[in-house]
């Protein structure tokens, strides 16, 4: 009987625990807005500049941070060709 009661208690405890939300950073934007609200904290990564983010954060419990996962655009390197001496 104790095992049944313990099993029911364990199942009830696990099912009542709140699920944790995973925070994802979008690698497409260089600036993120970190917001603190009544529901908790979250991060919005959808800004292309700090000024744009600052306008959105104005008047809120929020601040702007740089996105640590931003995939910077790769600038193609200049291609160098070998010059072979012309032989006639």
Protein backbone atom coordinates (compact mmCIF):
# COMPACT_ATOMS: atom_id res chain seq x y z
CA UNK A 1 0.00 0.00 0.00
CA UNK A 2 2.88 2.35 0.75
CA UNK A 3 4.36 1.78 -2.69
CA UNK A 4 1.06 2.71 -4.35
CA UNK A 5 0.75 5.88 -2.26
CA UNK A 6 4.37 6.80 -2.99
CA UNK A 7 3.85 6.21 -6.72
CA UNK A 8 0.73 8.39 -6.76
CA UNK A 9 2.53 11.13 -4.83
CA UNK A 10 5.49 11.01 -7.23
CA UNK A 11 3.29 11.18 -10.32
CA UNK A 12 1.29 14.09 -8.85
CA UNK A 13 4.48 16.00 -8.00
CA UNK A 14 6.00 15.54 -11.45
CA UNK A 15 2.81 16.47 -13.29
CA UNK A 16 2.26 19.58 -11.13
CA UNK A 17 5.76 20.97 -11.75
CA UNK A 18 5.74 23.89 -14.20
CA UNK A 19 7.40 23.26 -17.51
CA UNK A 20 10.46 25.37 -18.27
CA UNK A 21 10.55 27.39 -21.47
CA UNK A 22 13.73 27.20 -23.46
CA UNK A 23 15.05 30.55 -24.60
CA UNK A 24 16.21 30.65 -28.17
CA UNK A 25 18.24 33.36 -29.79
CA UNK A 26 17.59 34.09 -33.44
CA UNK A 27 20.91 34.08 -35.31
CA UNK A 28 19.42 36.42 -37.93
CA UNK A 29 19.53 39.67 -35.93
CA UNK A 30 22.50 41.32 -34.18
CA UNK A 31 20.58 42.96 -31.29
CA UNK A 32 18.21 41.45 -28.71
CA UNK A 33 15.78 43.03 -26.27
CA UNK A 34 15.82 41.53 -22.76
CA UNK A 35 12.39 42.12 -21.20
CA UNK A 36 11.33 41.61 -17.57
CA UNK A 37 7.58 41.31 -17.00
CA UNK A 38 5.17 39.92 -14.44
CA UNK A 39 5.19 36.59 -16.29
CA UNK A 40 8.97 36.37 -16.13
CA UNK A 41 11.90 37.26 -18.33
CA UNK A 42 12.18 36.73 -22.05
CA UNK A 43 14.38 37.81 -24.92
CA UNK A 44 13.29 39.14 -28.32
CA UNK A 45 15.95 38.98 -31.02
CA UNK A 46 14.54 40.95 -33.92
CA UNK A 47 16.41 44.23 -34.07
CA UNK A 48 18.99 45.37 -36.59
CA UNK A 49 20.50 48.21 -34.53
CA UNK A 50 20.87 49.33 -30.93
CA UNK A 51 18.90 52.50 -31.68
CA UNK A 52 15.95 50.48 -32.99
CA UNK A 53 16.05 48.27 -29.90
CA UNK A 54 16.34 51.27 -27.56
CA UNK A 55 13.18 52.77 -29.04
CA UNK A 56 11.32 49.55 -28.34
CA UNK A 57 12.73 49.31 -24.80
CA UNK A 58 11.77 52.88 -23.95
CA UNK A 59 9.29 52.99 -21.06
CA UNK A 60 9.54 49.28 -20.31
CA UNK A 61 11.55 47.17 -17.89
CA UNK A 62 13.87 46.12 -20.69
CA UNK A 63 17.38 46.60 -22.01
CA UNK A 64 19.24 45.89 -25.22
CA UNK A 65 22.01 43.31 -25.54
CA UNK A 66 24.09 42.12 -28.44
CA UNK A 67 23.14 38.72 -29.76
CA UNK A 68 25.90 36.22 -28.92
CA UNK A 69 24.65 33.85 -31.63
CA UNK A 70 24.41 36.37 -34.47
CA UNK A 71 25.71 34.83 -37.68
CA UNK A 72 27.74 37.60 -39.20
CA UNK A 73 27.60 37.80 -42.94
CA UNK A 74 30.64 36.30 -44.53
CA UNK A 75 32.31 38.71 -46.90
CA UNK A 76 33.62 36.80 -49.88
CA UNK A 77 37.35 37.10 -50.14
CA UNK A 78 38.87 38.48 -53.27
CA UNK A 79 39.87 35.67 -55.54
CA UNK A 80 43.45 35.71 -56.65
CA UNK A 81 44.47 34.19 -59.89
CA UNK A 82 47.89 32.82 -60.56
CA UNK A 83 49.70 34.54 -63.30
CA UNK A 84 51.58 32.21 -65.52
CA UNK A 85 54.24 33.64 -67.77
CA UNK A 86 53.23 33.44 -71.38
CA UNK A 87 55.59 31.44 -73.48
CA UNK A 88 55.60 32.03 -77.24
